[in-house]
N, C-alpha and C. Protein backbone atom coordinates (compact mmCIF):
# COMPACT_ATOMS: atom_id res chain seq x y z
N MET A 1 153.96 154.18 61.60
CA MET A 1 153.87 152.71 61.43
C MET A 1 153.45 152.44 59.97
N THR A 2 154.19 151.50 59.37
CA THR A 2 153.93 151.21 57.94
C THR A 2 152.93 150.06 57.85
N MET A 3 152.18 150.04 56.85
CA MET A 3 151.22 148.94 56.60
C MET A 3 151.93 147.76 55.91
N PRO A 4 151.57 146.55 56.24
CA PRO A 4 152.23 145.40 55.57
C PRO A 4 151.85 145.34 54.09
N GLN A 5 152.79 144.88 53.32
CA GLN A 5 152.53 144.79 51.86
C GLN A 5 151.59 143.61 51.56
N ALA A 6 150.75 143.79 50.57
CA ALA A 6 149.90 142.69 50.13
C ALA A 6 150.75 141.65 49.45
N PRO A 7 150.42 140.41 49.61
CA PRO A 7 151.23 139.39 48.92
C PRO A 7 151.13 139.51 47.40
N ALA A 8 152.24 139.14 46.77
CA ALA A 8 152.28 139.21 45.30
C ALA A 8 151.27 138.27 44.68
N ALA A 9 150.89 138.55 43.48
CA ALA A 9 149.99 137.68 42.75
C ALA A 9 150.61 136.32 42.57
N PRO A 10 149.81 135.26 42.73
CA PRO A 10 150.44 133.90 42.54
C PRO A 10 150.94 133.68 41.16
N VAL A 11 152.04 133.01 41.04
CA VAL A 11 152.63 132.75 39.74
C VAL A 11 152.02 131.45 39.23
N THR A 12 151.47 131.49 38.03
CA THR A 12 150.89 130.26 37.48
C THR A 12 152.02 129.50 36.78
N TYR A 13 151.92 128.20 37.03
CA TYR A 13 152.93 127.24 36.49
C TYR A 13 152.43 126.70 35.19
N GLN A 14 153.15 126.89 34.15
CA GLN A 14 152.84 126.31 32.82
C GLN A 14 153.81 125.24 32.46
N PRO A 15 153.47 123.95 32.62
CA PRO A 15 154.44 122.94 32.29
C PRO A 15 154.67 122.87 30.79
N THR A 16 155.89 122.60 30.42
CA THR A 16 156.22 122.45 29.01
C THR A 16 156.13 120.98 28.68
N PRO A 17 155.57 120.66 27.49
CA PRO A 17 155.42 119.25 27.11
C PRO A 17 156.81 118.64 26.85
N ILE A 18 157.00 117.40 27.29
CA ILE A 18 158.28 116.67 27.12
C ILE A 18 158.01 115.40 26.37
N THR A 19 158.84 115.12 25.40
CA THR A 19 158.74 113.86 24.64
C THR A 19 159.99 113.05 24.86
N VAL A 20 159.83 111.81 25.34
CA VAL A 20 160.99 110.95 25.50
C VAL A 20 161.16 110.18 24.20
N THR A 21 162.35 110.30 23.60
CA THR A 21 162.57 109.68 22.31
C THR A 21 163.40 108.40 22.45
N ALA A 22 164.24 108.23 23.54
CA ALA A 22 165.04 107.05 23.67
C ALA A 22 165.44 106.87 25.13
N ILE A 23 165.57 105.62 25.53
CA ILE A 23 166.12 105.29 26.87
C ILE A 23 167.25 104.38 26.63
N ASP A 24 168.44 104.78 27.04
CA ASP A 24 169.64 104.04 26.79
C ASP A 24 169.95 103.19 28.01
N VAL A 25 169.55 101.88 27.92
CA VAL A 25 169.86 100.91 29.00
C VAL A 25 170.63 99.78 28.39
N PRO A 26 171.78 99.42 28.95
CA PRO A 26 172.52 98.28 28.42
C PRO A 26 171.73 96.97 28.54
N PHE A 27 171.94 96.10 27.60
CA PHE A 27 171.17 94.86 27.51
C PHE A 27 171.38 94.02 28.76
N THR A 28 172.58 93.91 29.27
CA THR A 28 172.84 93.06 30.42
C THR A 28 172.15 93.62 31.68
N ARG A 29 172.07 94.92 31.85
CA ARG A 29 171.36 95.49 32.98
C ARG A 29 169.85 95.22 32.86
N LEU A 30 169.33 95.25 31.60
CA LEU A 30 167.92 95.02 31.38
C LEU A 30 167.59 93.55 31.69
N VAL A 31 168.48 92.61 31.29
CA VAL A 31 168.25 91.20 31.57
C VAL A 31 168.34 90.96 33.05
N GLY A 32 169.25 91.62 33.75
CA GLY A 32 169.35 91.48 35.19
C GLY A 32 168.09 91.98 35.89
N PHE A 33 167.54 93.09 35.41
CA PHE A 33 166.31 93.63 36.02
C PHE A 33 165.19 92.63 35.86
N PHE A 34 164.99 92.08 34.65
CA PHE A 34 163.87 91.18 34.43
C PHE A 34 164.10 89.87 35.19
N PHE A 35 165.31 89.41 35.34
CA PHE A 35 165.57 88.24 36.20
C PHE A 35 165.19 88.49 37.68
N LYS A 36 165.57 89.63 38.16
CA LYS A 36 165.19 89.94 39.56
C LYS A 36 163.71 90.09 39.70
N ALA A 37 163.03 90.69 38.67
CA ALA A 37 161.58 90.82 38.73
C ALA A 37 160.90 89.46 38.75
N ALA A 38 161.42 88.49 37.96
CA ALA A 38 160.87 87.17 37.89
C ALA A 38 161.07 86.44 39.23
N LEU A 39 162.23 86.60 39.85
CA LEU A 39 162.44 86.00 41.15
C LEU A 39 161.57 86.64 42.22
N ALA A 40 161.32 87.92 42.16
CA ALA A 40 160.43 88.61 43.11
C ALA A 40 159.01 88.24 42.92
N ALA A 41 158.63 87.76 41.72
CA ALA A 41 157.24 87.41 41.46
C ALA A 41 156.85 86.06 42.13
N ILE A 42 157.85 85.24 42.36
CA ILE A 42 157.53 83.90 42.94
C ILE A 42 156.91 84.01 44.34
N PRO A 43 157.50 84.72 45.30
CA PRO A 43 156.85 84.84 46.61
C PRO A 43 155.50 85.57 46.52
N ALA A 44 155.40 86.50 45.61
CA ALA A 44 154.12 87.21 45.43
C ALA A 44 153.06 86.26 44.92
N LEU A 45 153.40 85.39 44.01
CA LEU A 45 152.43 84.40 43.52
C LEU A 45 152.01 83.42 44.60
N ILE A 46 152.95 83.03 45.45
CA ILE A 46 152.62 82.14 46.54
C ILE A 46 151.67 82.85 47.52
N ALA A 47 151.92 84.12 47.84
CA ALA A 47 151.06 84.86 48.75
C ALA A 47 149.65 85.04 48.15
N VAL A 48 149.54 85.34 46.90
CA VAL A 48 148.25 85.50 46.25
C VAL A 48 147.50 84.11 46.20
N ALA A 49 148.24 83.05 45.95
CA ALA A 49 147.59 81.69 45.91
C ALA A 49 147.05 81.37 47.34
N LEU A 50 147.80 81.70 48.37
CA LEU A 50 147.29 81.44 49.76
C LEU A 50 146.07 82.23 50.11
N VAL A 51 146.08 83.49 49.69
CA VAL A 51 144.88 84.35 49.93
C VAL A 51 143.64 83.81 49.19
N VAL A 52 143.85 83.42 47.90
CA VAL A 52 142.75 82.88 47.13
C VAL A 52 142.25 81.54 47.72
N LYS A 53 143.20 80.72 48.22
CA LYS A 53 142.77 79.47 48.80
C LYS A 53 141.99 79.72 50.12
N LEU A 54 142.40 80.66 50.90
CA LEU A 54 141.73 81.02 52.12
C LEU A 54 140.31 81.53 51.81
N ILE A 55 140.17 82.37 50.84
CA ILE A 55 138.86 82.90 50.43
C ILE A 55 137.98 81.75 49.94
N GLY A 56 138.54 80.84 49.16
CA GLY A 56 137.83 79.69 48.63
C GLY A 56 137.36 78.81 49.77
N ALA A 57 138.21 78.57 50.79
CA ALA A 57 137.81 77.70 51.90
C ALA A 57 136.70 78.37 52.74
N ILE A 58 136.79 79.66 52.88
CA ILE A 58 135.75 80.39 53.62
C ILE A 58 134.42 80.28 52.87
N LEU A 59 134.46 80.44 51.54
CA LEU A 59 133.21 80.35 50.78
C LEU A 59 132.68 78.93 50.76
N PHE A 60 133.57 77.93 50.64
CA PHE A 60 133.11 76.51 50.58
C PHE A 60 132.44 76.16 51.90
N PHE A 61 133.13 76.39 53.02
CA PHE A 61 132.53 76.00 54.31
C PHE A 61 131.46 76.96 54.73
N GLY A 62 131.31 78.07 54.10
CA GLY A 62 130.21 78.96 54.41
C GLY A 62 128.96 78.63 53.63
N PHE A 63 129.15 78.18 52.39
CA PHE A 63 127.97 77.94 51.50
C PHE A 63 127.96 76.49 51.02
N GLY A 64 129.06 76.06 50.40
CA GLY A 64 129.03 74.78 49.71
C GLY A 64 129.07 73.53 50.60
N ALA A 65 129.61 73.66 51.79
CA ALA A 65 129.76 72.45 52.66
C ALA A 65 128.39 71.90 53.04
N TRP A 66 127.40 72.76 53.19
CA TRP A 66 126.05 72.29 53.58
C TRP A 66 125.43 71.53 52.41
N ARG A 67 125.68 72.00 51.21
CA ARG A 67 125.02 71.36 50.02
C ARG A 67 125.66 70.02 49.76
N TYR A 68 126.96 69.88 49.88
CA TYR A 68 127.61 68.69 49.53
C TYR A 68 127.68 67.66 50.70
N GLY A 69 127.01 67.93 51.77
CA GLY A 69 126.89 66.95 52.83
C GLY A 69 127.92 67.02 53.89
N PHE A 70 128.90 67.84 53.80
CA PHE A 70 129.85 67.99 54.88
C PHE A 70 129.16 68.76 56.00
N MET A 71 129.60 68.61 57.20
CA MET A 71 129.09 69.32 58.34
C MET A 71 127.59 68.98 58.57
N GLY A 72 127.14 67.80 58.17
CA GLY A 72 125.81 67.37 58.46
C GLY A 72 124.75 68.09 57.62
N GLY A 73 125.02 68.28 56.38
CA GLY A 73 124.03 68.97 55.51
C GLY A 73 122.84 68.05 55.20
N PRO A 74 121.81 68.60 54.54
CA PRO A 74 120.58 67.83 54.31
C PRO A 74 120.74 66.71 53.28
N PHE A 75 121.76 66.69 52.48
CA PHE A 75 121.89 65.68 51.41
C PHE A 75 122.78 64.49 51.85
N GLY A 76 123.33 64.47 53.03
CA GLY A 76 124.12 63.33 53.49
C GLY A 76 125.46 63.33 52.73
N TRP A 77 126.14 62.17 52.80
CA TRP A 77 127.44 62.05 52.15
C TRP A 77 127.25 61.57 50.70
N LEU A 78 127.16 62.47 49.77
CA LEU A 78 126.96 62.17 48.38
C LEU A 78 128.30 61.93 47.70
């Protein structure tokens, strides 16, 4: 019966440095990409605005509503 061979020594990976000198993109494709990115930013902006508004409402009714007299605070309707 033969003994199993020991695994070979691991090979170390030495990455070679790469320098990008130019990216060749036609102007019309680049304009199209930026136009699509601008259109995609509109729903994202609406979603962020709704989240910020929700957080602001939670903070206002959690802290500020009592101070400004809403919900029966100590200062009345100022």
